[in-house]
Amino acid sequence: MLAGYSAPELASKICIVGPAEAIDPETRALDPGGAFFFLREPPGRRLEDQVLDVLRLACLIASLERRGVEHIDCCADKQEAEPNHLALRIAEELKQMILV
């Protein structure tokens, strides 16, 4: 799900939400500008599968926006505890290792 609109100078962001969590403007403290993509993970999904889901979504977003994957923010470190999900942090580290 896409929330907001992409701006060339701002990174798009990925957030993981729970299976029953409603997605609305109040779901996260959204920064002005930029695009937010919400990934709804089913309960019990393995961590390695969640990481791959995040990386696949980052590649899809980069392709849709016709930008490099470096413009996709997987770390979500300025967000609350739940969006700062372990899968997001691992995906961001893997993405940085690939880009070096």
PDB file of N, CA and C in Angstrom:
ATOM      1  N   MET A   1       0.850  -1.176   0.000  1.00  0.00           N
ATOM      2  CA  MET A   1       0.000   0.000   0.000  1.00  0.00           C
ATOM      3  C   MET A   1       0.893   1.237   0.000  1.00  0.00           C
ATOM      4  N   LEU A   2       0.526   2.204  -0.793  1.00  0.00           N
ATOM      5  CA  LEU A   2       1.289   3.438  -0.905  1.00  0.00           C
ATOM      6  C   LEU A   2       0.587   4.535  -0.136  1.00  0.00           C
ATOM      7  N   ALA A   3       1.321   5.249   0.677  1.00  0.00           N
ATOM      8  CA  ALA A   3       0.762   6.392   1.399  1.00  0.00           C
ATOM      9  C   ALA A   3       1.657   7.578   1.127  1.00  0.00           C
ATOM     10  N   GLY A   4       1.115   8.648   0.637  1.00  0.00           N
ATOM     11  CA  GLY A   4       1.912   9.826   0.320  1.00  0.00           C
ATOM     12  C   GLY A   4       2.365   9.791  -1.121  1.00  0.00           C
ATOM     13  N   TYR A   5       3.214  10.706  -1.483  1.00  0.00           N
ATOM     14  CA  TYR A   5       3.711  10.785  -2.845  1.00  0.00           C
ATOM     15  C   TYR A   5       5.216  10.917  -2.809  1.00  0.00           C
ATOM     16  N   SER A   6       5.852  10.303  -3.788  1.00  0.00           N
ATOM     17  CA  SER A   6       7.314  10.346  -3.789  1.00  0.00           C
ATOM     18  C   SER A   6       7.812  11.717  -4.227  1.00  0.00           C
ATOM     19  N   ALA A   7       8.904  12.112  -3.661  1.00  0.00           N
ATOM     20  CA  ALA A   7       9.576  13.341  -4.047  1.00  0.00           C
ATOM     21  C   ALA A   7      11.005  12.942  -4.390  1.00  0.00           C
ATOM     22  N   PRO A   8      11.547  13.405  -5.499  1.00  0.00           N
ATOM     23  CA  PRO A   8      12.870  12.946  -5.934  1.00  0.00           C
ATOM     24  C   PRO A   8      13.961  13.105  -4.883  1.00  0.00           C
ATOM     25  N   GLU A   9      13.882  14.132  -4.070  1.00  0.00           N
ATOM     26  CA  GLU A   9      14.942  14.367  -3.088  1.00  0.00           C
ATOM     27  C   GLU A   9      14.740  13.584  -1.788  1.00  0.00           C
ATOM     28  N   LEU A  10      13.589  12.949  -1.607  1.00  0.00           N
ATOM     29  CA  LEU A  10      13.299  12.217  -0.379  1.00  0.00           C
ATOM     30  C   LEU A  10      13.281  10.717  -0.630  1.00  0.00           C
ATOM     31  N   ALA A  11      13.807   9.965   0.327  1.00  0.00           N
ATOM     32  CA  ALA A  11      13.788   8.506   0.214  1.00  0.00           C
ATOM     33  C   ALA A  11      12.393   7.983   0.511  1.00  0.00           C
ATOM     34  N   SER A  12      11.975   6.964  -0.229  1.00  0.00           N
ATOM     35  CA  SER A  12      10.740   6.265   0.110  1.00  0.00           C
ATOM     36  C   SER A  12      11.033   5.388   1.320  1.00  0.00           C
ATOM     37  N   LYS A  13      10.026   5.126   2.139  1.00  0.00           N
ATOM     38  CA  LYS A  13      10.228   4.373   3.373  1.00  0.00           C
ATOM     39  C   LYS A  13       9.327   3.151   3.400  1.00  0.00           C
ATOM     40  N   ILE A  14       9.840   2.079   4.001  1.00  0.00           N
ATOM     41  CA  ILE A  14       9.080   0.843   4.160  1.00  0.00           C
ATOM     42  C   ILE A  14       8.773   0.665   5.639  1.00  0.00           C
ATOM     43  N   CYS A  15       7.518   0.359   5.951  1.00  0.00           N
ATOM     44  CA  CYS A  15       7.089   0.070   7.323  1.00  0.00           C
ATOM     45  C   CYS A  15       6.443  -1.311   7.336  1.00  0.00           C
ATOM     46  N   ILE A  16       6.697  -2.099   8.356  1.00  0.00           N
ATOM     47  CA  ILE A  16       6.027  -3.387   8.530  1.00  0.00           C
ATOM     48  C   ILE A  16       4.904  -3.188   9.532  1.00  0.00           C
ATOM     49  N   VAL A  17       3.730  -3.655   9.171  1.00  0.00           N
ATOM     50  CA  VAL A  17       2.577  -3.575  10.077  1.00  0.00           C
ATOM     51  C   VAL A  17       2.076  -4.981  10.361  1.00  0.00           C
ATOM     52  N   GLY A  18       1.440  -5.126  11.504  1.00  0.00           N
ATOM     53  CA  GLY A  18       0.909  -6.413  11.911  1.00  0.00           C
ATOM     54  C   GLY A  18      -0.294  -6.827  11.077  1.00  0.00           C
ATOM     55  N   PRO A  19      -0.690  -8.101  11.189  1.00  0.00           N
ATOM     56  CA  PRO A  19      -1.780  -8.619  10.366  1.00  0.00           C
ATOM     57  C   PRO A  19      -3.129  -7.963  10.639  1.00  0.00           C
ATOM     58  N   ALA A  20      -3.346  -7.470  11.835  1.00  0.00           N
ATOM     59  CA  ALA A  20      -4.647  -6.868  12.164  1.00  0.00           C
ATOM     60  C   ALA A  20      -4.568  -5.349  12.327  1.00  0.00           C
ATOM     61  N   GLU A  21      -3.391  -4.786  12.105  1.00  0.00           N
ATOM     62  CA  GLU A  21      -3.208  -3.353  12.316  1.00  0.00           C
ATOM     63  C   GLU A  21      -3.812  -2.549  11.174  1.00  0.00           C
ATOM     64  N   ALA A  22      -4.616  -1.566  11.523  1.00  0.00           N
ATOM     65  CA  ALA A  22      -5.209  -0.689  10.505  1.00  0.00           C
ATOM     66  C   ALA A  22      -4.133   0.242   9.959  1.00  0.00           C
ATOM     67  N   ILE A  23      -4.226   0.536   8.670  1.00  0.00           N
ATOM     68  CA  ILE A  23      -3.276   1.449   8.040  1.00  0.00           C
ATOM     69  C   ILE A  23      -4.030   2.720   7.689  1.00  0.00           C
ATOM     70  N   ASP A  24      -3.646   3.804   8.332  1.00  0.00           N
ATOM     71  CA  ASP A  24      -4.253   5.105   8.055  1.00  0.00           C
ATOM     72  C   ASP A  24      -3.192   6.167   8.320  1.00  0.00           C
ATOM     73  N   PRO A  25      -3.488   7.436   8.082  1.00  0.00           N
ATOM     74  CA  PRO A  25      -2.464   8.467   8.303  1.00  0.00           C
ATOM     75  C   PRO A  25      -1.911   8.504   9.722  1.00  0.00           C
ATOM     76  N   GLU A  26      -2.655   7.991  10.677  1.00  0.00           N
ATOM     77  CA  GLU A  26      -2.185   8.009  12.063  1.00  0.00           C
ATOM     78  C   GLU A  26      -1.365   6.770  12.408  1.00  0.00           C
ATOM     79  N   THR A  27      -1.219   5.831  11.472  1.00  0.00           N
ATOM     80  CA  THR A  27      -0.486   4.599  11.752  1.00  0.00           C
ATOM     81  C   THR A  27       0.945   4.894  12.178  1.00  0.00           C
ATOM     82  N   ARG A  28       1.586   5.810  11.509  1.00  0.00           N
ATOM     83  CA  ARG A  28       2.954   6.216  11.828  1.00  0.00           C
ATOM     84  C   ARG A  28       3.037   7.732  11.743  1.00  0.00           C
ATOM     85  N   ALA A  29       4.023   8.271  12.376  1.00  0.00           N
ATOM     86  CA  ALA A  29       4.268   9.708  12.243  1.00  0.00           C
ATOM     87  C   ALA A  29       4.907   9.924  10.885  1.00  0.00           C
ATOM     88  N   LEU A  30       4.100  10.239   9.889  1.00  0.00           N
ATOM     89  CA  LEU A  30       4.599  10.369   8.525  1.00  0.00           C
ATOM     90  C   LEU A  30       5.283  11.710   8.337  1.00  0.00           C
ATOM     91  N   ASP A  31       6.452  11.673   7.747  1.00  0.00           N
ATOM     92  CA  ASP A  31       7.152  12.901   7.395  1.00  0.00           C
ATOM     93  C   ASP A  31       6.466  13.516   6.185  1.00  0.00           C
ATOM     94  N   PRO A  32       6.473  14.834   6.075  1.00  0.00           N
ATOM     95  CA  PRO A  32       5.907  15.438   4.865  1.00  0.00           C
ATOM     96  C   PRO A  32       6.741  15.057   3.651  1.00  0.00           C
ATOM     97  N   GLY A  33       6.068  14.893   2.518  1.00  0.00           N
ATOM     98  CA  GLY A  33       6.759  14.455   1.307  1.00  0.00           C
ATOM     99  C   GLY A  33       7.064  12.980   1.377  1.00  0.00           C
ATOM    100  N   GLY A  34       7.810  12.485   0.443  1.00  0.00           N
ATOM    101  CA  GLY A  34       8.205  11.084   0.460  1.00  0.00           C
ATOM    102  C   GLY A  34       7.025  10.133   0.365  1.00  0.00           C
ATOM    103  N   ALA A  35       7.303   8.891   0.095  1.00  0.00           N
ATOM    104  CA  ALA A  35       6.270   7.862   0.004  1.00  0.00           C
ATOM    105  C   ALA A  35       6.531   6.813   1.075  1.00  0.00           C
ATOM    106  N   PHE A  36       5.463   6.300   1.643  1.00  0.00           N
ATOM    107  CA  PHE A  36       5.556   5.254   2.651  1.00  0.00           C
ATOM    108  C   PHE A  36       4.866   4.016   2.102  1.00  0.00           C
ATOM    109  N   PHE A  37       5.563   2.893   2.162  1.00  0.00           N
ATOM    110  CA  PHE A  37       5.006   1.624   1.728  1.00  0.00           C
ATOM    111  C   PHE A  37       4.857   0.750   2.964  1.00  0.00           C
ATOM    112  N   PHE A  38       3.656   0.224   3.160  1.00  0.00           N
ATOM    113  CA  PHE A  38       3.366  -0.608   4.328  1.00  0.00           C
ATOM    114  C   PHE A  38       3.327  -2.063   3.891  1.00  0.00           C
ATOM    115  N   LEU A  39       4.139  -2.884   4.558  1.00  0.00           N
ATOM    116  CA  LEU A  39       4.196  -4.311   4.291  1.00  0.00           C
ATOM    117  C   LEU A  39       3.479  -5.027   5.420  1.00  0.00           C
ATOM    118  N   ARG A  40       2.388  -5.688   5.086  1.00  0.00           N
ATOM    119  CA  ARG A  40       1.623  -6.427   6.106  1.00  0.00           C
ATOM    120  C   ARG A  40       2.126  -7.869   6.115  1.00  0.00           C
ATOM    121  N   GLU A  41       2.697  -8.274   7.222  1.00  0.00           N
ATOM    122  CA  GLU A  41       3.240  -9.620   7.353  1.00  0.00           C
ATOM    123  C   GLU A  41       2.252 -10.528   8.081  1.00  0.00           C
ATOM    124  N   PRO A  42       2.061 -11.745   7.578  1.00  0.00           N
ATOM    125  CA  PRO A  42       1.185 -12.688   8.278  1.00  0.00           C
ATOM    126  C   PRO A  42       1.829 -13.144   9.589  1.00  0.00           C
ATOM    127  N   PRO A  43       1.025 -13.542  10.559  1.00  0.00           N
ATOM    128  CA  PRO A  43       1.597 -13.990  11.836  1.00  0.00           C
ATOM    129  C   PRO A  43       2.437 -15.256  11.641  1.00  0.00           C
ATOM    130  N   GLY A  44       3.521 -15.334  12.379  1.00  0.00           N
ATOM    131  CA  GLY A  44       4.367 -16.520  12.347  1.00  0.00           C
ATOM    132  C   GLY A  44       5.330 -16.589  11.169  1.00  0.00           C
ATOM    133  N   ARG A  45       5.445 -15.540  10.384  1.00  0.00           N
ATOM    134  CA  ARG A  45       6.358 -15.538   9.233  1.00  0.00           C
ATOM    135  C   ARG A  45       7.791 -15.524   9.742  1.00  0.00           C
ATOM    136  N   ARG A  46       8.629 -16.379   9.187  1.00  0.00           N
ATOM    137  CA  ARG A  46      10.018 -16.484   9.623  1.00  0.00           C
ATOM    138  C   ARG A  46      10.778 -15.195   9.312  1.00  0.00           C
ATOM    139  N   LEU A  47      11.761 -14.874  10.151  1.00  0.00           N
ATOM    140  CA  LEU A  47      12.531 -13.646  10.005  1.00  0.00           C
ATOM    141  C   LEU A  47      13.214 -13.572   8.645  1.00  0.00           C
ATOM    142  N   GLU A  48      13.830 -14.672   8.199  1.00  0.00           N
ATOM    143  CA  GLU A  48      14.521 -14.624   6.913  1.00  0.00           C
ATOM    144  C   GLU A  48      13.554 -14.351   5.757  1.00  0.00           C
ATOM    145  N   ASP A  49      12.328 -14.847   5.866  1.00  0.00           N
ATOM    146  CA  ASP A  49      11.319 -14.563   4.841  1.00  0.00           C
ATOM    147  C   ASP A  49      10.886 -13.100   4.894  1.00  0.00           C
ATOM    148  N   GLN A  50      10.787 -12.547   6.109  1.00  0.00           N
ATOM    149  CA  GLN A  50      10.437 -11.135   6.246  1.00  0.00           C
ATOM    150  C   GLN A  50      11.523 -10.247   5.632  1.00  0.00           C
ATOM    151  N   VAL A  51      12.782 -10.597   5.859  1.00  0.00           N
ATOM    152  CA  VAL A  51      13.893  -9.820   5.292  1.00  0.00           C
ATOM    153  C   VAL A  51      13.827  -9.860   3.774  1.00  0.00           C
ATOM    154  N   LEU A  52      13.611 -11.037   3.206  1.00  0.00           N
ATOM    155  CA  LEU A  52      13.502 -11.153   1.748  1.00  0.00           C
ATOM    156  C   LEU A  52      12.304 -10.382   1.220  1.00  0.00           C
ATOM    157  N   ASP A  53      11.197 -10.385   1.956  1.00  0.00           N
ATOM    158  CA  ASP A  53      10.023  -9.598   1.552  1.00  0.00           C
ATOM    159  C   ASP A  53      10.362  -8.114   1.477  1.00  0.00           C
ATOM    160  N   VAL A  54      11.089  -7.631   2.477  1.00  0.00           N
ATOM    161  CA  VAL A  54      11.471  -6.216   2.509  1.00  0.00           C
ATOM    162  C   VAL A  54      12.395  -5.896   1.331  1.00  0.00           C
ATOM    163  N   LEU A  55      13.374  -6.759   1.069  1.00  0.00           N
ATOM    164  CA  LEU A  55      14.287  -6.516  -0.048  1.00  0.00           C
ATOM    165  C   LEU A  55      13.558  -6.552  -1.390  1.00  0.00           C
ATOM    166  N   ARG A  56      12.627  -7.485  -1.542  1.00  0.00           N
ATOM    167  CA  ARG A  56      11.835  -7.539  -2.782  1.00  0.00           C
ATOM    168  C   ARG A  56      11.013  -6.273  -2.949  1.00  0.00           C
ATOM    169  N   LEU A  57      10.397  -5.816  -1.859  1.00  0.00           N
ATOM    170  CA  LEU A  57       9.595  -4.597  -1.927  1.00  0.00           C
ATOM    171  C   LEU A  57      10.476  -3.391  -2.257  1.00  0.00           C
ATOM    172  N   ALA A  58      11.674  -3.326  -1.677  1.00  0.00           N
ATOM    173  CA  ALA A  58      12.592  -2.223  -1.973  1.00  0.00           C
ATOM    174  C   ALA A  58      12.958  -2.208  -3.456  1.00  0.00           C
ATOM    175  N   CYS A  59      13.212  -3.366  -4.033  1.00  0.00           N
ATOM    176  CA  CYS A  59      13.534  -3.442  -5.468  1.00  0.00           C
ATOM    177  C   CYS A  59      12.337  -3.050  -6.316  1.00  0.00           C
ATOM    178  N   LEU A  60      11.146  -3.463  -5.912  1.00  0.00           N
ATOM    179  CA  LEU A  60       9.930  -3.107  -6.646  1.00  0.00           C
ATOM    180  C   LEU A  60       9.696  -1.595  -6.612  1.00  0.00           C
ATOM    181  N   ILE A  61       9.858  -0.998  -5.435  1.00  0.00           N
ATOM    182  CA  ILE A  61       9.671   0.451  -5.291  1.00  0.00           C
ATOM    183  C   ILE A  61      10.681   1.197  -6.160  1.00  0.00           C
ATOM    184  N   ALA A  62      11.934   0.773  -6.108  1.00  0.00           N
ATOM    185  CA  ALA A  62      12.975   1.426  -6.914  1.00  0.00           C
ATOM    186  C   ALA A  62      12.641   1.335  -8.397  1.00  0.00           C
ATOM    187  N   SER A  63      12.122   0.198  -8.810  1.00  0.00           N
ATOM    188  CA  SER A  63      11.746   0.029 -10.214  1.00  0.00           C
ATOM    189  C   SER A  63      10.563   0.926 -10.583  1.00  0.00           C
ATOM    190  N   LEU A  64       9.560   0.975  -9.716  1.00  0.00           N
ATOM    191  CA  LEU A  64       8.382   1.815  -9.978  1.00  0.00           C
ATOM    192  C   LEU A  64       8.743   3.295 -10.039  1.00  0.00           C
ATOM    193  N   GLU A  65       9.637   3.714  -9.159  1.00  0.00           N
ATOM    194  CA  GLU A  65      10.021   5.125  -9.087  1.00  0.00           C
ATOM    195  C   GLU A  65      11.153   5.467 -10.045  1.00  0.00           C
ATOM    196  N   ARG A  66      11.677   4.457 -10.723  1.00  0.00           N
ATOM    197  CA  ARG A  66      12.800   4.637 -11.653  1.00  0.00           C
ATOM    198  C   ARG A  66      13.985   5.319 -10.972  1.00  0.00           C
ATOM    199  N   ARG A  67      14.278   4.837  -9.777  1.00  0.00           N
ATOM    200  CA  ARG A  67      15.425   5.330  -9.007  1.00  0.00           C
ATOM    201  C   ARG A  67      16.212   4.129  -8.517  1.00  0.00           C
ATOM    202  N   GLY A  68      17.392   4.387  -7.999  1.00  0.00           N
ATOM    203  CA  GLY A  68      18.199   3.314  -7.442  1.00  0.00           C
ATOM    204  C   GLY A  68      17.646   2.858  -6.096  1.00  0.00           C
ATOM    205  N   VAL A  69      17.985   1.642  -5.723  1.00  0.00           N
ATOM    206  CA  VAL A  69      17.504   1.087  -4.461  1.00  0.00           C
ATOM    207  C   VAL A  69      18.077   1.847  -3.258  1.00  0.00           C
ATOM    208  N   GLU A  70      19.161   2.621  -3.476  1.00  0.00           N
ATOM    209  CA  GLU A  70      19.728   3.413  -2.377  1.00  0.00           C
ATOM    210  C   GLU A  70      18.768   4.509  -1.914  1.00  0.00           C
ATOM    211  N   HIS A  71      17.746   4.824  -2.701  1.00  0.00           N
ATOM    212  CA  HIS A  71      16.758   5.840  -2.323  1.00  0.00           C
ATOM    213  C   HIS A  71      15.586   5.255  -1.534  1.00  0.00           C
ATOM    214  N   ILE A  72      15.672   3.982  -1.184  1.00  0.00           N
ATOM    215  CA  ILE A  72      14.616   3.322  -0.415  1.00  0.00           C
ATOM    216  C   ILE A  72      15.133   3.115   1.003  1.00  0.00           C
ATOM    217  N   ASP A  73      14.408   3.636   1.981  1.00  0.00           N
ATOM    218  CA  ASP A  73      14.807   3.558   3.389  1.00  0.00           C
ATOM    219  C   ASP A  73      14.161   2.343   4.036  1.00  0.00           C
ATOM    220  N   CYS A  74      14.990   1.341   4.324  1.00  0.00           N
ATOM    221  CA  CYS A  74      14.487   0.136   4.992  1.00  0.00           C
ATOM    222  C   CYS A  74      14.701   0.178   6.497  1.00  0.00           C
ATOM    223  N   CYS A  75      15.561   1.075   6.984  1.00  0.00           N
ATOM    224  CA  CYS A  75      15.926   1.021   8.399  1.00  0.00           C
ATOM    225  C   CYS A  75      14.862   1.606   9.310  1.00  0.00           C
ATOM    226  N   ALA A  76      14.124   2.600   8.845  1.00  0.00           N
ATOM    227  CA  ALA A  76      13.027   3.186   9.615  1.00  0.00           C
ATOM    228  C   ALA A  76      13.454   3.527  11.036  1.00  0.00           C
ATOM    229  N   ASP A  77      14.687   4.009  11.209  1.00  0.00           N
ATOM    230  CA  ASP A  77      15.205   4.235  12.557  1.00  0.00           C
ATOM    231  C   ASP A  77      14.591   5.428  13.274  1.00  0.00           C
ATOM    232  N   LYS A  78      13.896   6.307  12.568  1.00  0.00           N
ATOM    233  CA  LYS A  78      13.277   7.454  13.223  1.00  0.00           C
ATOM    234  C   LYS A  78      11.842   7.160  13.632  1.00  0.00           C
ATOM    235  N   GLN A  79      11.421   5.908  13.467  1.00  0.00           N
ATOM    236  CA  GLN A  79      10.044   5.554  13.772  1.00  0.00           C
ATOM    237  C   GLN A  79       9.963   4.816  15.099  1.00  0.00           C
ATOM    238  N   GLU A  80       8.740   4.513  15.496  1.00  0.00           N
ATOM    239  CA  GLU A  80       8.499   3.867  16.784  1.00  0.00           C
ATOM    240  C   GLU A  80       9.045   2.442  16.800  1.00  0.00           C
ATOM    241  N   ALA A  81       8.903   1.769  17.930  1.00  0.00           N
ATOM    242  CA  ALA A  81       9.511   0.450  18.120  1.00  0.00           C
ATOM    243  C   ALA A  81       9.058  -0.567  17.077  1.00  0.00           C
ATOM    244  N   GLU A  82       7.788  -0.666  16.788  1.00  0.00           N
ATOM    245  CA  GLU A  82       7.306  -1.690  15.855  1.00  0.00           C
ATOM    246  C   GLU A  82       7.830  -1.495  14.442  1.00  0.00           C
ATOM    247  N   PRO A  83       7.799  -0.266  13.879  1.00  0.00           N
ATOM    248  CA  PRO A  83       8.356  -0.124  12.536  1.00  0.00           C
ATOM    249  C   PRO A  83       9.864  -0.344  12.495  1.00  0.00           C
ATOM    250  N   ASN A  84      10.521  -0.142  13.632  1.00  0.00           N
ATOM    251  CA  ASN A  84      11.960  -0.382  13.686  1.00  0.00           C
ATOM    252  C   ASN A  84      12.175  -1.881  13.890  1.00  0.00           C
ATOM    253  N   HIS A  85      11.569  -2.627  13.039  1.00  0.00           N
ATOM    254  CA  HIS A  85      11.504  -4.067  13.080  1.00  0.00           C
ATOM    255  C   HIS A  85      12.856  -4.666  12.718  1.00  0.00           C
ATOM    256  N   LEU A  86      13.211  -5.776  13.305  1.00  0.00           N
ATOM    257  CA  LEU A  86      14.491  -6.422  13.043  1.00  0.00           C
ATOM    258  C   LEU A  86      14.660  -6.729  11.554  1.00  0.00           C
ATOM    259  N   ALA A  87      13.600  -7.161  10.894  1.00  0.00           N
ATOM    260  CA  ALA A  87      13.687  -7.465   9.458  1.00  0.00           C
ATOM    261  C   ALA A  87      14.068  -6.221   8.655  1.00  0.00           C
ATOM    262  N   LEU A  88      13.569  -5.051   9.055  1.00  0.00           N
ATOM    263  CA  LEU A  88      13.915  -3.816   8.362  1.00  0.00           C
ATOM    264  C   LEU A  88      15.393  -3.472   8.551  1.00  0.00           C
ATOM    265  N   ARG A  89      15.879  -3.637   9.765  1.00  0.00           N
ATOM    266  CA  ARG A  89      17.282  -3.324  10.039  1.00  0.00           C
ATOM    267  C   ARG A  89      18.219  -4.267   9.287  1.00  0.00           C
ATOM    268  N   ILE A  90      17.892  -5.550   9.262  1.00  0.00           N
ATOM    269  CA  ILE A  90      18.722  -6.520   8.546  1.00  0.00           C
ATOM    270  C   ILE A  90      18.703  -6.225   7.047  1.00  0.00           C
ATOM    271  N   ALA A  91      17.515  -5.945   6.512  1.00  0.00           N
ATOM    272  CA  ALA A  91      17.394  -5.639   5.082  1.00  0.00           C
ATOM    273  C   ALA A  91      18.213  -4.403   4.723  1.00  0.00           C
ATOM    274  N   GLU A  92      18.194  -3.391   5.572  1.00  0.00           N
ATOM    275  CA  GLU A  92      18.975  -2.177   5.306  1.00  0.00           C
ATOM    276  C   GLU A  92      20.466  -2.494   5.305  1.00  0.00           C
ATOM    277  N   GLU A  93      20.928  -3.309   6.250  1.00  0.00           N
ATOM    278  CA  GLU A  93      22.348  -3.692   6.295  1.00  0.00           C
ATOM    279  C   GLU A  93      22.739  -4.468   5.043  1.00  0.00           C
ATOM    280  N   LEU A  94      21.908  -5.403   4.630  1.00  0.00           N
ATOM    281  CA  LEU A  94      22.194  -6.173   3.413  1.00  0.00           C
ATOM    282  C   LEU A  94      22.215  -5.266   2.191  1.00  0.00           C
ATOM    283  N   LYS A  95      21.275  -4.357   2.130  1.00  0.00           N
ATOM    284  CA  LYS A  95      21.225  -3.419   1.006  1.00  0.00           C
ATOM    285  C   LYS A  95      22.496  -2.573   0.952  1.00  0.00           C
ATOM    286  N   GLN A  96      22.968  -2.097   2.096  1.00  0.00           N
ATOM    287  CA  GLN A  96      24.195  -1.292   2.140  1.00  0.00           C
ATOM    288  C   GLN A  96      25.407  -2.101   1.727  1.00  0.00           C
ATOM    289  N   MET A  97      25.452  -3.397   2.114  1.00  0.00           N
ATOM    290  CA  MET A  97      26.566  -4.245   1.728  1.00  0.00           C
ATOM    291  C   MET A  97      26.586  -4.469   0.219  1.00  0.00           C
ATOM    292  N   ILE A  98      25.421  -4.597  -0.388  1.00  0.00           N
ATOM    293  CA  ILE A  98      25.321  -4.822  -1.828  1.00  0.00           C
ATOM    294  C   ILE A  98      25.758  -3.580  -2.593  1.00  0.00           C
ATOM    295  N   LEU A  99      25.429  -2.387  -2.058  1.00  0.00           N
ATOM    296  CA  LEU A  99      25.709  -1.148  -2.755  1.00  0.00           C
ATOM    297  C   LEU A  99      27.168  -0.722  -2.694  1.00  0.00           C
ATOM    298  N   VAL A 100      27.946  -1.321  -1.800  1.00  0.00           N
ATOM    299  CA  VAL A 100      29.363  -0.926  -1.643  1.00  0.00           C
ATOM    300  C   VAL A 100      30.174  -1.389  -2.810  1.00  0.00           C
TER     301      VAL A 100
END
